[in-house]
Amino acid sequence: MRYQKEGKPAVEILPGTVIHIPANVKHWHGAAADSWFAHLAFSVPGEDCSNEWLEQVTDEEYSKL
C-alpha cells in the first residue's frame, strides 16, 4: 500500500499505520501492484468543506511505484 502527497515521493504504508491528511492537501493512496487495500475514512464535520475526488492515477504513474 502506498501514500503520496503531490510533489513528494510515495511512502509505503505498513499494516496498522494511521495517516492524517490535512485539509486541502492533494494526495492519493491505494494498493501497490502486489497487494490489496482496504480504506476507512473519517470526516470531521465543518462549514464550507467537501471531499473532492481528483483525477485517476495513470497506468504509467502506477507502474513507477
PDB file of N, CA and C in Angstrom:
ATOM      1  N   MET A   1       0.857  -1.159   0.000  1.00  0.00           N
ATOM      2  CA  MET A   1       0.000   0.000   0.000  1.00  0.00           C
ATOM      3  C   MET A   1       0.909   1.228   0.000  1.00  0.00           C
ATOM      4  N   ARG A   2       0.478   2.257  -0.709  1.00  0.00           N
ATOM      5  CA  ARG A   2       1.277   3.471  -0.840  1.00  0.00           C
ATOM      6  C   ARG A   2       0.426   4.718  -0.577  1.00  0.00           C
ATOM      7  N   TYR A   3       1.116   5.785  -0.167  1.00  0.00           N
ATOM      8  CA  TYR A   3       0.505   7.091   0.047  1.00  0.00           C
ATOM      9  C   TYR A   3       1.462   8.115  -0.541  1.00  0.00           C
ATOM     10  N   GLN A   4       0.919   9.129  -1.206  1.00  0.00           N
ATOM     11  CA  GLN A   4       1.784  10.155  -1.781  1.00  0.00           C
ATOM     12  C   GLN A   4       1.090  11.502  -1.790  1.00  0.00           C
ATOM     13  N   LYS A   5       1.797  12.520  -1.284  1.00  0.00           N
ATOM     14  CA  LYS A   5       1.343  13.899  -1.412  1.00  0.00           C
ATOM     15  C   LYS A   5       1.881  14.428  -2.733  1.00  0.00           C
ATOM     16  N   GLU A   6       1.141  15.309  -3.374  1.00  0.00           N
ATOM     17  CA  GLU A   6       1.572  15.875  -4.647  1.00  0.00           C
ATOM     18  C   GLU A   6       2.969  16.491  -4.506  1.00  0.00           C
ATOM     19  N   GLY A   7       3.873  16.113  -5.425  1.00  0.00           N
ATOM     20  CA  GLY A   7       5.220  16.659  -5.433  1.00  0.00           C
ATOM     21  C   GLY A   7       6.198  16.002  -4.473  1.00  0.00           C
ATOM     22  N   LYS A   8       5.739  15.013  -3.709  1.00  0.00           N
ATOM     23  CA  LYS A   8       6.596  14.310  -2.745  1.00  0.00           C
ATOM     24  C   LYS A   8       6.743  12.854  -3.181  1.00  0.00           C
ATOM     25  N   PRO A   9       7.778  12.154  -2.700  1.00  0.00           N
ATOM     26  CA  PRO A   9       7.910  10.736  -3.042  1.00  0.00           C
ATOM     27  C   PRO A   9       6.823   9.900  -2.366  1.00  0.00           C
ATOM     28  N   ALA A  10       6.471   8.779  -2.997  1.00  0.00           N
ATOM     29  CA  ALA A  10       5.493   7.863  -2.415  1.00  0.00           C
ATOM     30  C   ALA A  10       6.089   7.202  -1.177  1.00  0.00           C
ATOM     31  N   VAL A  11       5.227   6.902  -0.210  1.00  0.00           N
ATOM     32  CA  VAL A  11       5.635   6.284   1.045  1.00  0.00           C
ATOM     33  C   VAL A  11       4.873   4.976   1.198  1.00  0.00           C
ATOM     34  N   GLU A  12       5.580   3.910   1.575  1.00  0.00           N
ATOM     35  CA  GLU A  12       4.910   2.641   1.831  1.00  0.00           C
ATOM     36  C   GLU A  12       4.190   2.725   3.171  1.00  0.00           C
ATOM     37  N   ILE A  13       2.970   2.208   3.211  1.00  0.00           N
ATOM     38  CA  ILE A  13       2.180   2.183   4.440  1.00  0.00           C
ATOM     39  C   ILE A  13       2.128   0.739   4.920  1.00  0.00           C
ATOM     40  N   LEU A  14       2.559   0.501   6.139  1.00  0.00           N
ATOM     41  CA  LEU A  14       2.548  -0.840   6.712  1.00  0.00           C
ATOM     42  C   LEU A  14       1.237  -1.079   7.455  1.00  0.00           C
ATOM     43  N   PRO A  15       0.840  -2.352   7.644  1.00  0.00           N
ATOM     44  CA  PRO A  15      -0.406  -2.642   8.355  1.00  0.00           C
ATOM     45  C   PRO A  15      -0.455  -1.942   9.713  1.00  0.00           C
ATOM     46  N   GLY A  16      -1.597  -1.358  10.009  1.00  0.00           N
ATOM     47  CA  GLY A  16      -1.797  -0.667  11.271  1.00  0.00           C
ATOM     48  C   GLY A  16      -1.377   0.793  11.271  1.00  0.00           C
ATOM     49  N   THR A  17      -0.782   1.254  10.177  1.00  0.00           N
ATOM     50  CA  THR A  17      -0.345   2.641  10.086  1.00  0.00           C
ATOM     51  C   THR A  17      -1.556   3.561   9.975  1.00  0.00           C
ATOM     52  N   VAL A  18      -1.521   4.668  10.681  1.00  0.00           N
ATOM     53  CA  VAL A  18      -2.567   5.687  10.586  1.00  0.00           C
ATOM     54  C   VAL A  18      -1.975   6.885   9.858  1.00  0.00           C
ATOM     55  N   ILE A  19      -2.671   7.376   8.851  1.00  0.00           N
ATOM     56  CA  ILE A  19      -2.227   8.531   8.079  1.00  0.00           C
ATOM     57  C   ILE A  19      -3.221   9.658   8.308  1.00  0.00           C
ATOM     58  N   HIS A  20      -2.739  10.824   8.679  1.00  0.00           N
ATOM     59  CA  HIS A  20      -3.585  12.009   8.822  1.00  0.00           C
ATOM     60  C   HIS A  20      -3.331  12.902   7.621  1.00  0.00           C
ATOM     61  N   ILE A  21      -4.376  13.265   6.924  1.00  0.00           N
ATOM     62  CA  ILE A  21      -4.260  14.106   5.737  1.00  0.00           C
ATOM     63  C   ILE A  21      -4.942  15.435   6.032  1.00  0.00           C
ATOM     64  N   PRO A  22      -4.170  16.502   6.167  1.00  0.00           N
ATOM     65  CA  PRO A  22      -4.772  17.808   6.434  1.00  0.00           C
ATOM     66  C   PRO A  22      -5.659  18.268   5.276  1.00  0.00           C
ATOM     67  N   ALA A  23      -6.539  19.185   5.548  1.00  0.00           N
ATOM     68  CA  ALA A  23      -7.422  19.739   4.513  1.00  0.00           C
ATOM     69  C   ALA A  23      -6.596  20.390   3.405  1.00  0.00           C
ATOM     70  N   ASN A  24      -7.121  20.303   2.193  1.00  0.00           N
ATOM     71  CA  ASN A  24      -6.545  20.958   1.012  1.00  0.00           C
ATOM     72  C   ASN A  24      -5.168  20.441   0.614  1.00  0.00           C
ATOM     73  N   VAL A  25      -4.848  19.194   0.962  1.00  0.00           N
ATOM     74  CA  VAL A  25      -3.596  18.573   0.532  1.00  0.00           C
ATOM     75  C   VAL A  25      -3.930  17.572  -0.570  1.00  0.00           C
ATOM     76  N   LYS A  26      -3.455  17.833  -1.794  1.00  0.00           N
ATOM     77  CA  LYS A  26      -3.699  16.917  -2.909  1.00  0.00           C
ATOM     78  C   LYS A  26      -2.828  15.680  -2.695  1.00  0.00           C
ATOM     79  N   HIS A  27      -3.461  14.503  -2.724  1.00  0.00           N
ATOM     80  CA  HIS A  27      -2.761  13.262  -2.428  1.00  0.00           C
ATOM     81  C   HIS A  27      -3.485  12.092  -3.074  1.00  0.00           C
ATOM     82  N   TRP A  28      -2.858  10.946  -3.033  1.00  0.00           N
ATOM     83  CA  TRP A  28      -3.509   9.700  -3.430  1.00  0.00           C
ATOM     84  C   TRP A  28      -3.041   8.603  -2.488  1.00  0.00           C
ATOM     85  N   HIS A  29      -3.812   7.534  -2.431  1.00  0.00           N
ATOM     86  CA  HIS A  29      -3.441   6.365  -1.641  1.00  0.00           C
ATOM     87  C   HIS A  29      -4.126   5.154  -2.234  1.00  0.00           C
ATOM     88  N   GLY A  30      -3.497   3.993  -2.096  1.00  0.00           N
ATOM     89  CA  GLY A  30      -4.089   2.784  -2.632  1.00  0.00           C
ATOM     90  C   GLY A  30      -3.136   1.615  -2.599  1.00  0.00           C
ATOM     91  N   ALA A  31      -3.598   0.515  -3.158  1.00  0.00           N
ATOM     92  CA  ALA A  31      -2.819  -0.712  -3.171  1.00  0.00           C
ATOM     93  C   ALA A  31      -1.632  -0.599  -4.110  1.00  0.00           C
ATOM     94  N   ALA A  32      -0.572  -1.311  -3.770  1.00  0.00           N
ATOM     95  CA  ALA A  32       0.549  -1.484  -4.685  1.00  0.00           C
ATOM     96  C   ALA A  32       0.197  -2.648  -5.611  1.00  0.00           C
ATOM     97  N   ALA A  33       0.964  -2.825  -6.654  1.00  0.00           N
ATOM     98  CA  ALA A  33       0.665  -3.869  -7.642  1.00  0.00           C
ATOM     99  C   ALA A  33       0.655  -5.267  -7.026  1.00  0.00           C
ATOM    100  N   ASP A  34       1.394  -5.463  -5.940  1.00  0.00           N
ATOM    101  CA  ASP A  34       1.497  -6.794  -5.334  1.00  0.00           C
ATOM    102  C   ASP A  34       0.721  -6.914  -4.016  1.00  0.00           C
ATOM    103  N   SER A  35      -0.270  -6.042  -3.787  1.00  0.00           N
ATOM    104  CA  SER A  35      -1.021  -6.089  -2.533  1.00  0.00           C
ATOM    105  C   SER A  35      -2.448  -5.594  -2.743  1.00  0.00           C
ATOM    106  N   TRP A  36      -3.271  -5.724  -1.718  1.00  0.00           N
ATOM    107  CA  TRP A  36      -4.630  -5.198  -1.770  1.00  0.00           C
ATOM    108  C   TRP A  36      -4.738  -4.082  -0.748  1.00  0.00           C
ATOM    109  N   PHE A  37      -5.891  -3.427  -0.722  1.00  0.00           N
ATOM    110  CA  PHE A  37      -6.039  -2.215   0.079  1.00  0.00           C
ATOM    111  C   PHE A  37      -7.461  -2.100   0.600  1.00  0.00           C
ATOM    112  N   ALA A  38      -7.608  -1.842   1.899  1.00  0.00           N
ATOM    113  CA  ALA A  38      -8.907  -1.533   2.495  1.00  0.00           C
ATOM    114  C   ALA A  38      -8.842  -0.094   2.995  1.00  0.00           C
ATOM    115  N   HIS A  39      -9.902   0.662   2.773  1.00  0.00           N
ATOM    116  CA  HIS A  39      -9.886   2.093   3.067  1.00  0.00           C
ATOM    117  C   HIS A  39     -10.970   2.444   4.074  1.00  0.00           C
ATOM    118  N   LEU A  40     -10.569   3.056   5.186  1.00  0.00           N
ATOM    119  CA  LEU A  40     -11.505   3.603   6.167  1.00  0.00           C
ATOM    120  C   LEU A  40     -11.236   5.094   6.243  1.00  0.00           C
ATOM    121  N   ALA A  41     -12.259   5.899   6.096  1.00  0.00           N
ATOM    122  CA  ALA A  41     -12.079   7.349   6.141  1.00  0.00           C
ATOM    123  C   ALA A  41     -13.023   7.937   7.183  1.00  0.00           C
ATOM    124  N   PHE A  42     -12.512   8.866   7.951  1.00  0.00           N
ATOM    125  CA  PHE A  42     -13.302   9.572   8.951  1.00  0.00           C
ATOM    126  C   PHE A  42     -13.281  11.047   8.597  1.00  0.00           C
ATOM    127  N   SER A  43     -14.436  11.649   8.513  1.00  0.00           N
ATOM    128  CA  SER A  43     -14.532  13.068   8.181  1.00  0.00           C
ATOM    129  C   SER A  43     -15.064  13.828   9.383  1.00  0.00           C
ATOM    130  N   VAL A  44     -14.446  14.951   9.657  1.00  0.00           N
ATOM    131  CA  VAL A  44     -14.882  15.807  10.753  1.00  0.00           C
ATOM    132  C   VAL A  44     -15.816  16.859  10.177  1.00  0.00           C
ATOM    133  N   PRO A  45     -17.028  16.997  10.723  1.00  0.00           N
ATOM    134  CA  PRO A  45     -17.955  17.997  10.197  1.00  0.00           C
ATOM    135  C   PRO A  45     -17.364  19.403  10.270  1.00  0.00           C
ATOM    136  N   GLY A  46     -17.708  20.212   9.297  1.00  0.00           N
ATOM    137  CA  GLY A  46     -17.239  21.588   9.282  1.00  0.00           C
ATOM    138  C   GLY A  46     -18.073  22.415   8.326  1.00  0.00           C
ATOM    139  N   GLU A  47     -17.823  23.691   8.315  1.00  0.00           N
ATOM    140  CA  GLU A  47     -18.540  24.586   7.413  1.00  0.00           C
ATOM    141  C   GLU A  47     -17.721  24.811   6.152  1.00  0.00           C
ATOM    142  N   ASP A  48     -18.402  24.939   5.022  1.00  0.00           N
ATOM    143  CA  ASP A  48     -17.755  25.218   3.744  1.00  0.00           C
ATOM    144  C   ASP A  48     -16.637  24.230   3.431  1.00  0.00           C
ATOM    145  N   CYS A  49     -16.878  22.933   3.637  1.00  0.00           N
ATOM    146  CA  CYS A  49     -15.874  21.930   3.308  1.00  0.00           C
ATOM    147  C   CYS A  49     -16.538  20.788   2.546  1.00  0.00           C
ATOM    148  N   SER A  50     -15.732  20.081   1.771  1.00  0.00           N
ATOM    149  CA  SER A  50     -16.246  18.960   1.000  1.00  0.00           C
ATOM    150  C   SER A  50     -15.098  18.032   0.635  1.00  0.00           C
ATOM    151  N   ASN A  51     -15.451  16.840   0.208  1.00  0.00           N
ATOM    152  CA  ASN A  51     -14.480  15.881  -0.289  1.00  0.00           C
ATOM    153  C   ASN A  51     -14.456  15.998  -1.809  1.00  0.00           C
ATOM    154  N   GLU A  52     -13.300  16.167  -2.379  1.00  0.00           N
ATOM    155  CA  GLU A  52     -13.188  16.337  -3.831  1.00  0.00           C
ATOM    156  C   GLU A  52     -12.329  15.222  -4.410  1.00  0.00           C
ATOM    157  N   TRP A  53     -12.961  14.340  -5.208  1.00  0.00           N
ATOM    158  CA  TRP A  53     -12.219  13.270  -5.867  1.00  0.00           C
ATOM    159  C   TRP A  53     -11.523  13.858  -7.085  1.00  0.00           C
ATOM    160  N   LEU A  54     -10.238  13.588  -7.217  1.00  0.00           N
ATOM    161  CA  LEU A  54      -9.435  14.159  -8.294  1.00  0.00           C
ATOM    162  C   LEU A  54      -9.221  13.135  -9.404  1.00  0.00           C
ATOM    163  N   GLU A  55      -8.323  13.454 -10.327  1.00  0.00           N
ATOM    164  CA  GLU A  55      -8.078  12.581 -11.472  1.00  0.00           C
ATOM    165  C   GLU A  55      -7.504  11.235 -11.024  1.00  0.00           C
ATOM    166  N   GLN A  56      -7.731  10.202 -11.845  1.00  0.00           N
ATOM    167  CA  GLN A  56      -7.184   8.885 -11.555  1.00  0.00           C
ATOM    168  C   GLN A  56      -5.684   8.880 -11.817  1.00  0.00           C
ATOM    169  N   VAL A  57      -4.985   8.026 -11.096  1.00  0.00           N
ATOM    170  CA  VAL A  57      -3.567   7.806 -11.365  1.00  0.00           C
ATOM    171  C   VAL A  57      -3.485   6.990 -12.651  1.00  0.00           C
ATOM    172  N   THR A  58      -2.614   7.392 -13.566  1.00  0.00           N
ATOM    173  CA  THR A  58      -2.485   6.668 -14.836  1.00  0.00           C
ATOM    174  C   THR A  58      -1.730   5.355 -14.625  1.00  0.00           C
ATOM    175  N   ASP A  59      -1.861   4.436 -15.576  1.00  0.00           N
ATOM    176  CA  ASP A  59      -1.115   3.180 -15.512  1.00  0.00           C
ATOM    177  C   ASP A  59       0.390   3.445 -15.486  1.00  0.00           C
ATOM    178  N   GLU A  60       0.844   4.441 -16.228  1.00  0.00           N
ATOM    179  CA  GLU A  60       2.269   4.781 -16.252  1.00  0.00           C
ATOM    180  C   GLU A  60       2.739   5.256 -14.875  1.00  0.00           C
ATOM    181  N   GLU A  61       1.957   6.124 -14.236  1.00  0.00           N
ATOM    182  CA  GLU A  61       2.311   6.606 -12.895  1.00  0.00           C
ATOM    183  C   GLU A  61       2.326   5.450 -11.897  1.00  0.00           C
ATOM    184  N   TYR A  62       1.310   4.593 -11.987  1.00  0.00           N
ATOM    185  CA  TYR A  62       1.181   3.462 -11.068  1.00  0.00           C
ATOM    186  C   TYR A  62       2.351   2.494 -11.209  1.00  0.00           C
ATOM    187  N   SER A  63       2.777   2.232 -12.446  1.00  0.00           N
ATOM    188  CA  SER A  63       3.847   1.259 -12.676  1.00  0.00           C
ATOM    189  C   SER A  63       5.203   1.753 -12.179  1.00  0.00           C
ATOM    190  N   LYS A  64       5.364   3.050 -11.980  1.00  0.00           N
ATOM    191  CA  LYS A  64       6.625   3.595 -11.467  1.00  0.00           C
ATOM    192  C   LYS A  64       6.810   3.311  -9.979  1.00  0.00           C
ATOM    193  N   LEU A  65       5.756   2.892  -9.319  1.00  0.00           N
ATOM    194  CA  LEU A  65       5.835   2.631  -7.885  1.00  0.00           C
ATOM    195  C   LEU A  65       6.304   1.230  -7.647  1.00  0.00           C
TER     196      LEU A  65
END
